[in-house]
Amino acid sequence: MRLPPLNALRVFESVARLGHMGAAAAELHVTPGAVSQQIRSLQLSLGIELFEKRGRQLALTEEGATLQRSVRKALDTLMVGVRDVAARKAASITKSVLTISMPQVHGVAWLATRLFDFMAENRNFTLNVVTAARFNQVDWRKADISVVYGVPPWPGFWWQLLHGIRMTPVCSPQLLRGPNAIRQIGDLASHRLLHEDDGSQWRRYQAAAGGVYTGSSDVFFDDFGIVLQAARDGYGVALSDEIISARDLDEGRLVQPLPLAVPAIHNYYCLCAEAKRQREDVSYFIDWLVAEASKIEATGRRQRISG
């Protein structure tokens, strides 16, 4: 029997792990229809059913579970090989100095701690870190690589999606108590909404939730760090994502009063000038950064599906 295409097996593993075709599509940056087609083709080529519906989730059949174990083991083996090759590549790079630009909030919440891990494993690199949130704020005379919050295209630059984020309300636990406690979308009308944009993201969220946007007592900031601090202090409700707010949510400074999350208007991208993309040290760091983002995205989706 011929081996099915590797891409079909990769799609199968993602669906099997996440239990949902939409979540797998988001992880793989393809459409749900493309995922469905790959699964359908794989099942036809094997002549077996790999999944069965259980409510809104997909559960593995006995045959699917058997295949999933083998595919996961094979992909892990491939990943070990890729890491070995990457390690050899890193060892071949002579002393490198890179300047990395990142949004301050994203850096504090996610990237900075991982940079220390990178440095521990790659002692031939020296990293200089500067902060800027958006593309037009980056000093490209200094920055070799940047993480920006925005929407492409950026002519003259190579970019790749780093985090395809979903926004959900976050607030202080105190807003879950009292006569104006937030329990459903309509309860937001009794609270101040906090923004880092012109209100577009909140309008999108409330439209998706079936609510009515009023904006009568909203506050607008140009620094997302201030938005989150105001939410922690109980001054209103912000829209954030589980990557940026993970620690606040884990430690109870923020809570998610409503379950709905909607795709963000802007996302986090990794960028560099096209002229630098083929530089060995730049390419190596970008590959590492994208791999780190893929791991945290997969973990977040598993948590959302299981929750």
C-alpha atoms as a PDB file:
ATOM      1  CA  MET A   1       0.000   0.000   0.000  1.00  0.00           C
ATOM      2  CA  ARG A   2       1.321   3.443  -0.944  1.00  0.00           C
ATOM      3  CA  LEU A   3       2.131   5.894   1.820  1.00  0.00           C
ATOM      4  CA  PRO A   4      -0.429   8.744   1.931  1.00  0.00           C
ATOM      5  CA  PRO A   5       0.914  12.248   1.212  1.00  0.00           C
ATOM      6  CA  LEU A   6       2.857  13.679   4.156  1.00  0.00           C
ATOM      7  CA  ASN A   7       0.729  16.835   4.154  1.00  0.00           C
ATOM      8  CA  ALA A   8      -2.450  14.768   4.577  1.00  0.00           C
ATOM      9  CA  LEU A   9      -0.907  13.007   7.563  1.00  0.00           C
ATOM     10  CA  ARG A  10       0.162  16.351   9.038  1.00  0.00           C
ATOM     11  CA  VAL A  11      -3.394  17.665   8.688  1.00  0.00           C
ATOM     12  CA  PHE A  12      -4.760  14.459  10.224  1.00  0.00           C
ATOM     13  CA  GLU A  13      -2.435  14.795  13.232  1.00  0.00           C
ATOM     14  CA  SER A  14      -3.551  18.384  13.821  1.00  0.00           C
ATOM     15  CA  VAL A  15      -7.255  17.487  13.678  1.00  0.00           C
ATOM     16  CA  ALA A  16      -6.685  14.439  15.889  1.00  0.00           C
ATOM     17  CA  ARG A  17      -4.837  16.504  18.491  1.00  0.00           C
ATOM     18  CA  LEU A  18      -7.222  19.465  18.504  1.00  0.00           C
ATOM     19  CA  GLY A  19     -10.478  17.590  17.912  1.00  0.00           C
ATOM     20  CA  HIS A  20     -11.820  20.261  15.578  1.00  0.00           C
ATOM     21  CA  MET A  21     -11.300  21.024  11.886  1.00  0.00           C
ATOM     22  CA  GLY A  22     -11.613  24.777  12.397  1.00  0.00           C
ATOM     23  CA  ALA A  23      -8.908  24.773  15.062  1.00  0.00           C
ATOM     24  CA  ALA A  24      -6.653  22.659  12.848  1.00  0.00           C
ATOM     25  CA  ALA A  25      -7.231  25.049   9.951  1.00  0.00           C
ATOM     26  CA  ALA A  26      -6.183  27.993  12.126  1.00  0.00           C
ATOM     27  CA  GLU A  27      -3.063  26.160  13.296  1.00  0.00           C
ATOM     28  CA  LEU A  28      -2.055  25.231   9.758  1.00  0.00           C
ATOM     29  CA  HIS A  29      -3.038  28.623   8.257  1.00  0.00           C
ATOM     30  CA  VAL A  30      -5.414  27.061   5.707  1.00  0.00           C
ATOM     31  CA  THR A  31      -9.187  27.087   5.285  1.00  0.00           C
ATOM     32  CA  PRO A  32     -11.473  24.608   7.083  1.00  0.00           C
ATOM     33  CA  GLY A  33     -12.536  23.420   3.647  1.00  0.00           C
ATOM     34  CA  ALA A  34      -8.943  22.501   2.781  1.00  0.00           C
ATOM     35  CA  VAL A  35      -8.631  20.558   6.040  1.00  0.00           C
ATOM     36  CA  SER A  36     -11.902  18.739   5.386  1.00  0.00           C
ATOM     37  CA  GLN A  37     -10.743  17.818   1.874  1.00  0.00           C
ATOM     38  CA  GLN A  38      -7.440  16.426   3.147  1.00  0.00           C
ATOM     39  CA  ILE A  39      -9.200  14.294   5.777  1.00  0.00           C
ATOM     40  CA  ARG A  40     -11.758  13.067   3.276  1.00  0.00           C
ATOM     41  CA  SER A  41      -9.021  12.116   0.773  1.00  0.00           C
ATOM     42  CA  LEU A  42      -7.008  10.362   3.482  1.00  0.00           C
ATOM     43  CA  GLN A  43      -9.997   8.334   4.634  1.00  0.00           C
ATOM     44  CA  LEU A  44     -10.849   7.359   1.046  1.00  0.00           C
ATOM     45  CA  SER A  45      -7.272   6.280   0.318  1.00  0.00           C
ATOM     46  CA  LEU A  46      -7.178   4.161   3.487  1.00  0.00           C
ATOM     47  CA  GLY A  47     -10.728   2.883   3.155  1.00  0.00           C
ATOM     48  CA  ILE A  48     -11.529   3.563   6.810  1.00  0.00           C
ATOM     49  CA  GLU A  49     -13.216   6.208   8.951  1.00  0.00           C
ATOM     50  CA  LEU A  50     -10.727   8.016  11.158  1.00  0.00           C
ATOM     51  CA  PHE A  51     -13.157  10.256  13.097  1.00  0.00           C
ATOM     52  CA  GLU A  52     -16.662  10.237  14.486  1.00  0.00           C
ATOM     53  CA  LYS A  53     -18.759  13.207  15.576  1.00  0.00           C
ATOM     54  CA  ARG A  54     -19.372  13.716  19.288  1.00  0.00           C
ATOM     55  CA  GLY A  55     -21.341  16.906  19.656  1.00  0.00           C
ATOM     56  CA  ARG A  56     -19.250  19.726  18.217  1.00  0.00           C
ATOM     57  CA  GLN A  57     -16.019  17.770  18.570  1.00  0.00           C
ATOM     58  CA  LEU A  58     -14.384  15.086  16.456  1.00  0.00           C
ATOM     59  CA  ALA A  59     -13.307  11.913  18.250  1.00  0.00           C
ATOM     60  CA  LEU A  60     -10.902   9.353  16.853  1.00  0.00           C
ATOM     61  CA  THR A  61     -12.203   5.955  15.900  1.00  0.00           C
ATOM     62  CA  GLU A  62     -10.184   2.937  17.042  1.00  0.00           C
ATOM     63  CA  GLU A  63      -8.398   2.878  13.685  1.00  0.00           C
ATOM     64  CA  GLY A  64      -7.873   6.637  13.852  1.00  0.00           C
ATOM     65  CA  ALA A  65      -6.298   6.381  17.297  1.00  0.00           C
ATOM     66  CA  THR A  66      -3.907   3.705  16.032  1.00  0.00           C
ATOM     67  CA  LEU A  67      -2.872   5.867  13.083  1.00  0.00           C
ATOM     68  CA  GLN A  68      -2.571   8.960  15.268  1.00  0.00           C
ATOM     69  CA  ARG A  69      -0.026   7.274  17.554  1.00  0.00           C
ATOM     70  CA  SER A  70       2.122   6.248  14.599  1.00  0.00           C
ATOM     71  CA  VAL A  71       1.877   9.617  12.862  1.00  0.00           C
ATOM     72  CA  ARG A  72       2.693  11.506  16.059  1.00  0.00           C
ATOM     73  CA  LYS A  73       5.747   9.305  16.633  1.00  0.00           C
ATOM     74  CA  ALA A  74       6.894   9.811  13.044  1.00  0.00           C
ATOM     75  CA  LEU A  75       6.453  13.597  13.213  1.00  0.00           C
ATOM     76  CA  ASP A  76       8.348  13.704  16.502  1.00  0.00           C
ATOM     77  CA  THR A  77      11.180  11.789  14.858  1.00  0.00           C
ATOM     78  CA  LEU A  78      11.183  14.236  11.955  1.00  0.00           C
ATOM     79  CA  MET A  79      11.261  17.147  14.390  1.00  0.00           C
ATOM     80  CA  VAL A  80      14.275  15.674  16.170  1.00  0.00           C
ATOM     81  CA  GLY A  81      16.037  15.462  12.824  1.00  0.00           C
ATOM     82  CA  VAL A  82      15.138  19.033  11.946  1.00  0.00           C
ATOM     83  CA  ARG A  83      16.408  20.247  15.331  1.00  0.00           C
ATOM     84  CA  ASP A  84      19.662  18.346  14.876  1.00  0.00           C
ATOM     85  CA  VAL A  85      20.185  19.977  11.494  1.00  0.00           C
ATOM     86  CA  ALA A  86      19.296  23.396  12.944  1.00  0.00           C
ATOM     87  CA  ALA A  87      21.740  22.882  15.816  1.00  0.00           C
ATOM     88  CA  ARG A  88      24.516  22.087  13.353  1.00  0.00           C
ATOM     89  CA  LYS A  89      23.601  25.165  11.354  1.00  0.00           C
ATOM     90  CA  ALA A  90      23.709  27.306  14.495  1.00  0.00           C
ATOM     91  CA  ALA A  91      27.099  25.894  15.427  1.00  0.00           C
ATOM     92  CA  SER A  92      28.416  26.850  11.986  1.00  0.00           C
ATOM     93  CA  ILE A  93      27.375  30.491  12.394  1.00  0.00           C
ATOM     94  CA  THR A  94      30.202  32.677  13.534  1.00  0.00           C
ATOM     95  CA  LYS A  95      29.672  35.301  16.223  1.00  0.00           C
ATOM     96  CA  SER A  96      26.476  37.190  15.390  1.00  0.00           C
ATOM     97  CA  VAL A  97      24.971  40.391  16.769  1.00  0.00           C
ATOM     98  CA  LEU A  98      21.268  40.874  16.035  1.00  0.00           C
ATOM     99  CA  THR A  99      18.964  43.735  16.957  1.00  0.00           C
ATOM    100  CA  ILE A 100      15.424  42.559  17.640  1.00  0.00           C
ATOM    101  CA  SER A 101      12.500  45.003  17.779  1.00  0.00           C
ATOM    102  CA  MET A 102       9.324  43.935  19.578  1.00  0.00           C
ATOM    103  CA  PRO A 103       6.155  45.460  21.035  1.00  0.00           C
ATOM    104  CA  GLN A 104       6.737  46.148  24.711  1.00  0.00           C
ATOM    105  CA  VAL A 105       3.669  44.281  25.986  1.00  0.00           C
ATOM    106  CA  HIS A 106       4.272  41.289  23.728  1.00  0.00           C
ATOM    107  CA  GLY A 107       7.908  41.222  24.784  1.00  0.00           C
ATOM    108  CA  VAL A 108       7.114  41.230  28.490  1.00  0.00           C
ATOM    109  CA  ALA A 109       4.296  38.695  28.161  1.00  0.00           C
ATOM    110  CA  TRP A 110       5.758  36.228  25.698  1.00  0.00           C
ATOM    111  CA  LEU A 111       8.997  36.830  23.850  1.00  0.00           C
ATOM    112  CA  ALA A 112      11.510  38.114  26.393  1.00  0.00           C
ATOM    113  CA  THR A 113      11.660  34.944  28.501  1.00  0.00           C
ATOM    114  CA  ARG A 114      12.113  32.847  25.367  1.00  0.00           C
ATOM    115  CA  LEU A 115      15.000  35.039  24.267  1.00  0.00           C
ATOM    116  CA  PHE A 116      16.901  33.946  27.374  1.00  0.00           C
ATOM    117  CA  ASP A 117      16.333  30.318  26.367  1.00  0.00           C
ATOM    118  CA  PHE A 118      17.612  31.129  22.885  1.00  0.00           C
ATOM    119  CA  MET A 119      20.734  32.762  24.311  1.00  0.00           C
ATOM    120  CA  ALA A 120      21.424  29.788  26.565  1.00  0.00           C
ATOM    121  CA  GLU A 121      21.317  27.449  23.574  1.00  0.00           C
ATOM    122  CA  ASN A 122      23.115  29.757  21.115  1.00  0.00           C
ATOM    123  CA  ARG A 123      26.073  31.343  22.836  1.00  0.00           C
ATOM    124  CA  ASN A 124      27.510  32.648  19.573  1.00  0.00           C
ATOM    125  CA  PHE A 125      24.624  35.142  19.346  1.00  0.00           C
ATOM    126  CA  THR A 126      24.402  38.545  21.005  1.00  0.00           C
ATOM    127  CA  LEU A 127      20.912  40.088  20.992  1.00  0.00           C
ATOM    128  CA  ASN A 128      20.075  43.758  21.333  1.00  0.00           C
ATOM    129  CA  VAL A 129      16.392  44.348  22.072  1.00  0.00           C
ATOM    130  CA  VAL A 130      14.469  47.544  21.300  1.00  0.00           C
ATOM    131  CA  THR A 131      10.727  48.187  21.505  1.00  0.00           C
ATOM    132  CA  ALA A 132       8.196  49.346  18.929  1.00  0.00           C
ATOM    133  CA  ALA A 133       4.631  48.151  18.473  1.00  0.00           C
ATOM    134  CA  ARG A 134       3.869  48.912  14.824  1.00  0.00           C
ATOM    135  CA  PHE A 135       5.743  48.835  11.544  1.00  0.00           C
ATOM    136  CA  ASN A 136       6.043  52.605  11.149  1.00  0.00           C
ATOM    137  CA  GLN A 137       7.509  52.866  14.667  1.00  0.00           C
ATOM    138  CA  VAL A 138      10.405  50.471  14.012  1.00  0.00           C
ATOM    139  CA  ASP A 139      13.843  52.008  13.480  1.00  0.00           C
ATOM    140  CA  TRP A 140      14.912  49.867  10.532  1.00  0.00           C
ATOM    141  CA  ARG A 141      18.356  51.459  10.560  1.00  0.00           C
ATOM    142  CA  LYS A 142      18.990  49.419  13.703  1.00  0.00           C
ATOM    143  CA  ALA A 143      16.553  46.499  13.641  1.00  0.00           C
ATOM    144  CA  ASP A 144      17.489  43.296  11.835  1.00  0.00           C
ATOM    145  CA  ILE A 145      14.262  41.504  12.758  1.00  0.00           C
ATOM    146  CA  SER A 146      11.034  42.844  14.165  1.00  0.00           C
ATOM    147  CA  VAL A 147       7.816  41.553  15.658  1.00  0.00           C
ATOM    148  CA  VAL A 148       5.045  44.002  14.817  1.00  0.00           C
ATOM    149  CA  TYR A 149       1.316  44.246  15.462  1.00  0.00           C
ATOM    150  CA  GLY A 150      -0.467  45.121  12.248  1.00  0.00           C
ATOM    151  CA  VAL A 151      -1.703  44.086   8.822  1.00  0.00           C
ATOM    152  CA  PRO A 152       0.480  43.397   5.752  1.00  0.00           C
ATOM    153  CA  PRO A 153       1.616  44.106   3.095  1.00  0.00           C
ATOM    154  CA  TRP A 154       4.841  45.947   3.837  1.00  0.00           C
ATOM    155  CA  PRO A 155       6.641  46.570   0.534  1.00  0.00           C
ATOM    156  CA  GLY A 156      10.335  45.769   0.611  1.00  0.00           C
ATOM    157  CA  PHE A 157       9.966  43.466   3.610  1.00  0.00           C
ATOM    158  CA  TRP A 158       9.568  39.727   4.113  1.00  0.00           C
ATOM    159  CA  TRP A 159       6.953  38.792   6.721  1.00  0.00           C
ATOM    160  CA  GLN A 160       5.314  35.754   8.266  1.00  0.00           C
ATOM    161  CA  LEU A 161       2.353  35.448  10.600  1.00  0.00           C
ATOM    162  CA  LEU A 162       3.597  34.748  14.115  1.00  0.00           C
ATOM    163  CA  HIS A 163       0.381  34.692  16.143  1.00  0.00           C
ATOM    164  CA  GLY A 164      -3.083  34.561  14.586  1.00  0.00           C
ATOM    165  CA  ILE A 165      -4.769  35.897  17.710  1.00  0.00           C
ATOM    166  CA  ARG A 166      -8.392  35.854  18.842  1.00  0.00           C
ATOM    167  CA  MET A 167      -9.715  38.632  21.052  1.00  0.00           C
ATOM    168  CA  THR A 168     -11.955  38.166  24.065  1.00  0.00           C
ATOM    169  CA  PRO A 169     -13.012  40.503  26.902  1.00  0.00           C
ATOM    170  CA  VAL A 170     -10.817  40.568  30.014  1.00  0.00           C
ATOM    171  CA  CYS A 171     -11.460  42.421  33.239  1.00  0.00           C
ATOM    172  CA  SER A 172     -10.789  42.471  36.959  1.00  0.00           C
ATOM    173  CA  PRO A 173     -12.549  39.719  38.938  1.00  0.00           C
ATOM    174  CA  GLN A 174     -14.416  42.465  40.808  1.00  0.00           C
ATOM    175  CA  LEU A 175     -16.515  43.128  37.681  1.00  0.00           C
ATOM    176  CA  LEU A 176     -18.003  39.646  38.028  1.00  0.00           C
ATOM    177  CA  ARG A 177     -19.655  40.677  41.298  1.00  0.00           C
ATOM    178  CA  GLY A 178     -22.398  43.090  42.306  1.00  0.00           C
ATOM    179  CA  PRO A 179     -25.561  44.305  40.564  1.00  0.00           C
ATOM    180  CA  ASN A 180     -23.720  45.058  37.294  1.00  0.00           C
ATOM    181  CA  ALA A 181     -21.821  41.765  37.155  1.00  0.00           C
ATOM    182  CA  ILE A 182     -20.862  40.727  33.627  1.00  0.00           C
ATOM    183  CA  ARG A 183     -22.612  37.482  32.740  1.00  0.00           C
ATOM    184  CA  GLN A 184     -23.728  38.085  29.150  1.00  0.00           C
ATOM    185  CA  ILE A 185     -22.949  40.418  26.266  1.00  0.00           C
ATOM    186  CA  GLY A 186     -25.628  42.956  27.226  1.00  0.00           C
ATOM    187  CA  ASP A 187     -23.984  43.512  30.623  1.00  0.00           C
ATOM    188  CA  LEU A 188     -21.078  45.276  28.907  1.00  0.00           C
ATOM    189  CA  ALA A 189     -23.341  48.303  28.486  1.00  0.00           C
ATOM    190  CA  SER A 190     -22.936  48.973  32.224  1.00  0.00           C
ATOM    191  CA  HIS A 191     -19.133  49.116  32.004  1.00  0.00           C
ATOM    192  CA  ARG A 192     -16.474  51.274  30.417  1.00  0.00           C
ATOM    193  CA  LEU A 193     -14.797  49.725  27.370  1.00  0.00           C
ATOM    194  CA  LEU A 194     -11.042  50.198  27.069  1.00  0.00           C
ATOM    195  CA  HIS A 195      -9.432  50.593  23.645  1.00  0.00           C
ATOM    196  CA  GLU A 196      -6.028  50.687  22.013  1.00  0.00           C
ATOM    197  CA  ASP A 197      -7.540  51.593  18.620  1.00  0.00           C
ATOM    198  CA  ASP A 198     -10.431  53.694  17.328  1.00  0.00           C
ATOM    199  CA  GLY A 199     -13.048  51.232  18.591  1.00  0.00           C
ATOM    200  CA  SER A 200     -12.959  48.945  15.537  1.00  0.00           C
ATOM    201  CA  GLN A 201     -12.027  45.819  17.468  1.00  0.00           C
ATOM    202  CA  TRP A 202     -14.789  46.274  20.054  1.00  0.00           C
ATOM    203  CA  ARG A 203     -17.336  46.954  17.287  1.00  0.00           C
ATOM    204  CA  ARG A 204     -16.291  43.724  15.588  1.00  0.00           C
ATOM    205  CA  TYR A 205     -16.555  41.799  18.841  1.00  0.00           C
ATOM    206  CA  GLN A 206     -19.993  43.090  19.761  1.00  0.00           C
ATOM    207  CA  ALA A 207     -21.305  42.519  16.244  1.00  0.00           C
ATOM    208  CA  ALA A 208     -20.129  38.885  16.420  1.00  0.00           C
ATOM    209  CA  ALA A 209     -21.698  38.496  19.865  1.00  0.00           C
ATOM    210  CA  GLY A 210     -25.002  40.069  18.858  1.00  0.00           C
ATOM    211  CA  GLY A 211     -24.561  43.056  21.124  1.00  0.00           C
ATOM    212  CA  VAL A 212     -24.961  46.773  20.481  1.00  0.00           C
ATOM    213  CA  TYR A 213     -21.900  49.011  20.607  1.00  0.00           C
ATOM    214  CA  THR A 214     -22.538  52.287  22.421  1.00  0.00           C
ATOM    215  CA  GLY A 215     -19.092  53.649  23.267  1.00  0.00           C
ATOM    216  CA  SER A 216     -20.628  56.301  25.533  1.00  0.00           C
ATOM    217  CA  SER A 217     -18.028  56.093  28.321  1.00  0.00           C
ATOM    218  CA  ASP A 218     -15.110  54.497  26.508  1.00  0.00           C
ATOM    219  CA  VAL A 219     -11.460  55.408  27.012  1.00  0.00           C
ATOM    220  CA  PHE A 220      -8.898  55.255  24.201  1.00  0.00           C
ATOM    221  CA  PHE A 221      -5.175  54.707  24.773  1.00  0.00           C
ATOM    222  CA  ASP A 222      -2.225  54.449  22.392  1.00  0.00           C
ATOM    223  CA  ASP A 223      -0.397  52.003  24.682  1.00  0.00           C
ATOM    224  CA  PHE A 224      -1.814  48.519  25.191  1.00  0.00           C
ATOM    225  CA  GLY A 225       0.103  48.195  28.444  1.00  0.00           C
ATOM    226  CA  ILE A 226      -2.004  51.002  29.903  1.00  0.00           C
ATOM    227  CA  VAL A 227      -5.173  49.321  28.605  1.00  0.00           C
ATOM    228  CA  LEU A 228      -4.333  46.111  30.441  1.00  0.00           C
ATOM    229  CA  GLN A 229      -3.367  47.914  33.643  1.00  0.00           C
ATOM    230  CA  ALA A 230      -6.653  49.812  33.644  1.00  0.00           C
ATOM    231  CA  ALA A 231      -8.473  46.483  33.227  1.00  0.00           C
ATOM    232  CA  ARG A 232      -6.496  44.909  36.095  1.00  0.00           C
ATOM    233  CA  ASP A 233      -7.406  47.842  38.314  1.00  0.00           C
ATOM    234  CA  GLY A 234     -11.118  47.457  37.588  1.00  0.00           C
ATOM    235  CA  TYR A 235     -11.619  50.613  35.530  1.00  0.00           C
ATOM    236  CA  GLY A 236     -13.207  48.846  32.577  1.00  0.00           C
ATOM    237  CA  VAL A 237     -13.180  45.908  30.185  1.00  0.00           C
ATOM    238  CA  ALA A 238     -10.447  45.377  27.601  1.00  0.00           C
ATOM    239  CA  LEU A 239     -10.094  43.081  24.626  1.00  0.00           C
ATOM    240  CA  SER A 240      -7.019  40.910  24.785  1.00  0.00           C
ATOM    241  CA  ASP A 241      -5.808  37.476  23.749  1.00  0.00           C
ATOM    242  CA  GLU A 242      -4.610  34.435  25.667  1.00  0.00           C
ATOM    243  CA  ILE A 243      -0.976  34.945  24.621  1.00  0.00           C
ATOM    244  CA  ILE A 244      -0.588  38.465  25.952  1.00  0.00           C
ATOM    245  CA  SER A 245      -2.829  37.936  28.997  1.00  0.00           C
ATOM    246  CA  ALA A 246      -1.817  34.364  29.834  1.00  0.00           C
ATOM    247  CA  ARG A 247       0.010  35.228  33.078  1.00  0.00           C
ATOM    248  CA  ASP A 248      -2.675  37.649  34.254  1.00  0.00           C
ATOM    249  CA  LEU A 249      -5.335  34.996  33.633  1.00  0.00           C
ATOM    250  CA  ASP A 250      -3.328  32.230  35.299  1.00  0.00           C
ATOM    251  CA  GLU A 251      -2.628  34.349  38.390  1.00  0.00           C
ATOM    252  CA  GLY A 252      -6.158  35.742  38.662  1.00  0.00           C
ATOM    253  CA  ARG A 253      -5.475  39.421  38.007  1.00  0.00           C
ATOM    254  CA  LEU A 254      -7.730  39.200  34.963  1.00  0.00           C
ATOM    255  CA  VAL A 255     -10.664  36.956  34.111  1.00  0.00           C
ATOM    256  CA  GLN A 256     -12.578  36.226  30.901  1.00  0.00           C
ATOM    257  CA  PRO A 257     -16.214  37.071  31.667  1.00  0.00           C
ATOM    258  CA  LEU A 258     -17.564  35.898  28.292  1.00  0.00           C
ATOM    259  CA  PRO A 259     -16.605  32.758  26.354  1.00  0.00           C
ATOM    260  CA  LEU A 260     -16.722  34.174  22.825  1.00  0.00           C
ATOM    261  CA  ALA A 261     -13.424  35.024  21.111  1.00  0.00           C
ATOM    262  CA  VAL A 262     -13.247  36.597  17.653  1.00  0.00           C
ATOM    263  CA  PRO A 263     -10.334  36.944  15.207  1.00  0.00           C
ATOM    264  CA  ALA A 264      -8.344  40.109  15.744  1.00  0.00           C
ATOM    265  CA  ILE A 265      -8.249  42.834  13.119  1.00  0.00           C
ATOM    266  CA  HIS A 266      -4.476  42.981  13.533  1.00  0.00           C
ATOM    267  CA  ASN A 267      -2.064  40.148  14.286  1.00  0.00           C
ATOM    268  CA  TYR A 268       1.560  39.687  15.273  1.00  0.00           C
ATOM    269  CA  TYR A 269       4.012  39.231  12.398  1.00  0.00           C
ATOM    270  CA  CYS A 270       7.723  38.571  12.169  1.00  0.00           C
ATOM    271  CA  LEU A 271       9.442  40.860   9.655  1.00  0.00           C
ATOM    272  CA  CYS A 272      12.815  41.641   8.187  1.00  0.00           C
ATOM    273  CA  ALA A 273      14.034  43.562   5.174  1.00  0.00           C
ATOM    274  CA  GLU A 274      13.977  41.384   2.053  1.00  0.00           C
ATOM    275  CA  ALA A 275      17.674  42.070   1.594  1.00  0.00           C
ATOM    276  CA  LYS A 276      18.436  40.476   4.988  1.00  0.00           C
ATOM    277  CA  ARG A 277      16.181  37.411   4.749  1.00  0.00           C
ATOM    278  CA  GLN A 278      18.935  35.188   3.315  1.00  0.00           C
ATOM    279  CA  ARG A 279      21.509  36.156   5.934  1.00  0.00           C
ATOM    280  CA  GLU A 280      22.365  32.967   7.781  1.00  0.00           C
ATOM    281  CA  ASP A 281      21.996  34.384  11.296  1.00  0.00           C
ATOM    282  CA  VAL A 282      18.745  36.217  10.457  1.00  0.00           C
ATOM    283  CA  SER A 283      17.275  33.106   8.838  1.00  0.00           C
ATOM    284  CA  TYR A 284      18.259  30.954  11.817  1.00  0.00           C
ATOM    285  CA  PHE A 285      16.680  33.309  14.365  1.00  0.00           C
ATOM    286  CA  ILE A 286      13.473  33.667  12.337  1.00  0.00           C
ATOM    287  CA  ASP A 287      13.136  29.881  12.043  1.00  0.00           C
ATOM    288  CA  TRP A 288      13.562  29.574  15.813  1.00  0.00           C
ATOM    289  CA  LEU A 289      11.039  32.343  16.501  1.00  0.00           C
ATOM    290  CA  VAL A 290       8.384  30.872  14.205  1.00  0.00           C
ATOM    291  CA  ALA A 291       8.871  27.427  15.783  1.00  0.00           C
ATOM    292  CA  GLU A 292       8.403  28.908  19.276  1.00  0.00           C
ATOM    293  CA  ALA A 293       5.223  30.674  18.175  1.00  0.00           C
ATOM    294  CA  SER A 294       3.877  27.443  16.668  1.00  0.00           C
ATOM    295  CA  LYS A 295       4.356  25.625  19.970  1.00  0.00           C
ATOM    296  CA  ILE A 296       2.520  28.197  22.052  1.00  0.00           C
ATOM    297  CA  GLU A 297      -0.317  28.483  19.498  1.00  0.00           C
ATOM    298  CA  ALA A 298      -0.822  24.709  19.497  1.00  0.00           C
ATOM    299  CA  THR A 299      -0.933  24.672  23.300  1.00  0.00           C
ATOM    300  CA  GLY A 300      -3.444  27.524  23.390  1.00  0.00           C
ATOM    301  CA  ARG A 301      -5.754  25.837  20.908  1.00  0.00           C
ATOM    302  CA  ARG A 302      -5.679  22.557  22.802  1.00  0.00           C
ATOM    303  CA  GLN A 303      -6.677  24.444  25.954  1.00  0.00           C
ATOM    304  CA  ARG A 304      -9.542  26.240  24.165  1.00  0.00           C
ATOM    305  CA  ILE A 305     -10.867  23.012  22.687  1.00  0.00           C
ATOM    306  CA  SER A 306     -10.656  21.085  25.977  1.00  0.00           C
ATOM    307  CA  GLY A 307     -12.255  23.998  27.810  1.00  0.00           C
END
